[in-house]
Amino acid sequence: MQSVVQEIIEFSCAILDAQSLQIVAEFQRYCRPTEHPVLTAFCTELTGISQATCAFIILSLSPLLLRHALTSASSVRGMAAGQQ
């Protein structure tokens, strides 16, 4: 049996105020898979996501995380450089 690698192509999140339980921010981006960076015709047909729509998520999400004090600028620089 052949193993099929499944990857994330859409990344979404919401920031919730723990006291009011209200959503204070939302984020949604399409991302390029790393194992198979070229989307298949099947994936594009199924989801409507094109290759051009894919983006680098960490740098896109960073402003939202910084604005709500959920990360630091040094952490963002480390993530952008590929460090954990």
Protein backbone atom coordinates (compact mmCIF):
# COMPACT_ATOMS: atom_id res chain seq x y z
CA MET A 1 0.00 0.00 0.00
CA GLN A 2 1.42 3.36 -1.03
CA SER A 3 1.53 6.14 1.57
CA VAL A 4 0.02 9.46 0.49
CA VAL A 5 1.41 12.65 2.01
CA GLN A 6 -1.33 15.12 2.86
CA GLU A 7 -0.34 18.73 3.42
CA ILE A 8 -1.96 21.93 4.59
CA ILE A 9 -2.88 24.33 1.80
CA GLU A 10 -5.03 26.70 3.83
CA PHE A 11 -4.19 28.10 7.25
CA SER A 12 -6.85 29.86 9.33
CA CYS A 13 -6.98 31.06 12.91
CA ALA A 14 -8.93 33.38 15.19
CA ILE A 15 -7.91 35.28 18.32
CA LEU A 16 -10.53 35.04 21.03
CA ASP A 17 -10.88 37.37 24.02
CA ALA A 18 -10.90 34.93 26.95
CA GLN A 19 -13.14 37.16 29.09
CA SER A 20 -15.81 38.19 26.60
CA LEU A 21 -15.45 35.14 24.32
CA GLN A 22 -15.59 37.52 21.35
CA ILE A 23 -13.39 37.07 18.31
CA VAL A 24 -11.00 40.03 18.19
CA ALA A 25 -9.06 39.07 15.04
CA GLU A 26 -9.12 36.53 12.25
CA PHE A 27 -6.50 35.29 9.81
CA GLN A 28 -6.79 33.18 6.66
CA ARG A 29 -4.11 32.46 4.06
CA TYR A 30 -3.35 29.82 1.49
CA CYS A 31 0.07 28.24 1.79
CA ARG A 32 2.40 26.35 -0.48
CA PRO A 33 2.91 22.70 0.46
CA THR A 34 6.52 21.78 1.23
CA GLU A 35 6.66 18.10 0.25
CA HIS A 36 4.89 18.65 -3.08
CA PRO A 37 5.08 22.42 -3.69
CA VAL A 38 3.30 22.27 -7.05
CA LEU A 39 -0.43 21.84 -6.58
CA THR A 40 -2.04 19.09 -8.60
CA ALA A 41 -4.79 19.79 -11.10
CA PHE A 42 -7.08 17.71 -8.86
CA CYS A 43 -6.34 19.94 -5.85
CA THR A 44 -6.92 23.12 -7.85
CA GLU A 45 -10.17 21.77 -9.31
CA LEU A 46 -11.40 20.55 -5.91
CA THR A 47 -10.54 23.66 -3.89
CA GLY A 48 -10.31 26.47 -6.43
CA ILE A 49 -6.86 27.31 -5.02
CA SER A 50 -4.31 28.09 -7.71
CA GLN A 51 -0.53 27.90 -7.48
CA ALA A 52 -0.32 31.69 -7.57
CA THR A 53 -2.56 31.93 -4.49
CA CYS A 54 -0.09 30.09 -2.23
CA ALA A 55 2.08 32.23 0.12
CA PHE A 56 4.59 32.05 2.97
CA ILE A 57 2.37 31.86 6.09
CA ILE A 58 4.66 32.78 9.00
CA LEU A 59 5.52 36.21 7.64
CA SER A 60 1.88 36.83 6.73
CA LEU A 61 0.67 35.90 10.21
CA SER A 62 3.39 37.79 12.11
CA PRO A 63 1.79 41.28 12.07
CA LEU A 64 -1.40 39.89 13.62
CA LEU A 65 0.55 38.04 16.34
CA LEU A 66 2.67 41.11 17.10
CA ARG A 67 -0.36 43.44 17.19
CA HIS A 68 -2.00 41.25 19.84
CA ALA A 69 1.26 40.67 21.79
CA LEU A 70 1.23 36.92 21.07
CA THR A 71 4.86 36.83 19.90
CA SER A 72 7.95 39.02 19.85
CA ALA A 73 9.81 40.63 16.97
CA SER A 74 12.86 38.46 17.70
CA SER A 75 10.72 35.31 17.45
CA VAL A 76 9.37 36.46 14.11
CA ARG A 77 12.90 37.09 12.81
CA GLY A 78 13.89 33.58 13.98
CA MET A 79 10.90 31.99 12.26
CA ALA A 80 11.63 33.89 9.06
CA ALA A 81 15.21 32.62 9.17
CA GLY A 82 13.95 29.04 9.55
CA GLN A 83 14.77 28.66 13.25
CA GLN A 84 12.37 27.37 15.85
